[in-house]
């Protein structure tokens, strides 16, 4: 069963594309999630992408 949105404290979102990789970090502040960090890398893509889920 997926967690309820109110129970999620941190979210990391990534977009691994062919030319760029982008990532955003969201943290719960009060009753809402706010973007804390945004990064982008322009480089050759890596052969492997690891997906990790956890509490």
C-alpha atoms as a PDB file:
ATOM      1  CA  UNK A   1       0.000   0.000   0.000  1.00  0.00           C
ATOM      2  CA  UNK A   2       1.509   3.373  -0.947  1.00  0.00           C
ATOM      3  CA  UNK A   3       2.020   5.963   1.785  1.00  0.00           C
ATOM      4  CA  UNK A   4      -0.501   8.738   2.312  1.00  0.00           C
ATOM      5  CA  UNK A   5       0.665  12.151   1.009  1.00  0.00           C
ATOM      6  CA  UNK A   6       0.555  13.579   4.541  1.00  0.00           C
ATOM      7  CA  UNK A   7       3.022  10.902   5.704  1.00  0.00           C
ATOM      8  CA  UNK A   8       5.675  11.722   3.070  1.00  0.00           C
ATOM      9  CA  UNK A   9       8.442  13.963   4.453  1.00  0.00           C
ATOM     10  CA  UNK A  10      10.912  14.034   1.522  1.00  0.00           C
ATOM     11  CA  UNK A  11      10.483  13.533  -2.236  1.00  0.00           C
ATOM     12  CA  UNK A  12      13.305  13.171  -4.756  1.00  0.00           C
ATOM     13  CA  UNK A  13      12.185  13.475  -8.378  1.00  0.00           C
ATOM     14  CA  UNK A  14      14.529  12.740 -11.278  1.00  0.00           C
ATOM     15  CA  UNK A  15      14.334  12.946 -15.056  1.00  0.00           C
ATOM     16  CA  UNK A  16      17.072  10.899 -16.714  1.00  0.00           C
ATOM     17  CA  UNK A  17      17.061  11.909 -20.353  1.00  0.00           C
ATOM     18  CA  UNK A  18      19.340  11.230 -23.291  1.00  0.00           C
ATOM     19  CA  UNK A  19      21.249  14.508 -22.995  1.00  0.00           C
ATOM     20  CA  UNK A  20      20.501  15.868 -19.515  1.00  0.00           C
ATOM     21  CA  UNK A  21      19.657  14.579 -16.070  1.00  0.00           C
ATOM     22  CA  UNK A  22      17.536  16.740 -13.785  1.00  0.00           C
ATOM     23  CA  UNK A  23      16.705  16.257 -10.109  1.00  0.00           C
ATOM     24  CA  UNK A  24      14.534  18.061  -7.576  1.00  0.00           C
ATOM     25  CA  UNK A  25      14.337  17.656  -3.807  1.00  0.00           C
ATOM     26  CA  UNK A  26      11.097  18.470  -1.993  1.00  0.00           C
ATOM     27  CA  UNK A  27      10.689  18.554   1.793  1.00  0.00           C
ATOM     28  CA  UNK A  28       7.555  18.857   3.861  1.00  0.00           C
ATOM     29  CA  UNK A  29       7.326  22.251   5.533  1.00  0.00           C
ATOM     30  CA  UNK A  30       4.223  22.632   7.641  1.00  0.00           C
ATOM     31  CA  UNK A  31       1.287  21.289   5.639  1.00  0.00           C
ATOM     32  CA  UNK A  32       2.897  21.493   2.181  1.00  0.00           C
ATOM     33  CA  UNK A  33       5.873  20.192   0.232  1.00  0.00           C
ATOM     34  CA  UNK A  34       8.363  22.834  -0.946  1.00  0.00           C
ATOM     35  CA  UNK A  35      11.134  22.518  -3.506  1.00  0.00           C
ATOM     36  CA  UNK A  36      14.418  22.781  -1.617  1.00  0.00           C
ATOM     37  CA  UNK A  37      16.915  22.003  -4.378  1.00  0.00           C
ATOM     38  CA  UNK A  38      16.990  21.708  -8.163  1.00  0.00           C
ATOM     39  CA  UNK A  39      19.956  20.417 -10.142  1.00  0.00           C
ATOM     40  CA  UNK A  40      20.786  19.649 -13.749  1.00  0.00           C
ATOM     41  CA  UNK A  41      23.693  17.862 -15.370  1.00  0.00           C
ATOM     42  CA  UNK A  42      24.504  17.990 -19.063  1.00  0.00           C
ATOM     43  CA  UNK A  43      26.688  15.003 -19.878  1.00  0.00           C
ATOM     44  CA  UNK A  44      26.729  11.692 -21.626  1.00  0.00           C
ATOM     45  CA  UNK A  45      24.092   9.393 -20.141  1.00  0.00           C
ATOM     46  CA  UNK A  46      25.163   6.522 -17.929  1.00  0.00           C
ATOM     47  CA  UNK A  47      24.486   2.972 -18.950  1.00  0.00           C
ATOM     48  CA  UNK A  48      22.633   2.089 -15.728  1.00  0.00           C
ATOM     49  CA  UNK A  49      20.083   3.986 -13.675  1.00  0.00           C
ATOM     50  CA  UNK A  50      19.254   2.742 -10.188  1.00  0.00           C
ATOM     51  CA  UNK A  51      15.787   3.261  -8.740  1.00  0.00           C
ATOM     52  CA  UNK A  52      15.576   3.092  -4.948  1.00  0.00           C
ATOM     53  CA  UNK A  53      12.388   3.324  -2.928  1.00  0.00           C
ATOM     54  CA  UNK A  54      12.287   3.383   0.824  1.00  0.00           C
ATOM     55  CA  UNK A  55      10.992   4.998   3.931  1.00  0.00           C
END
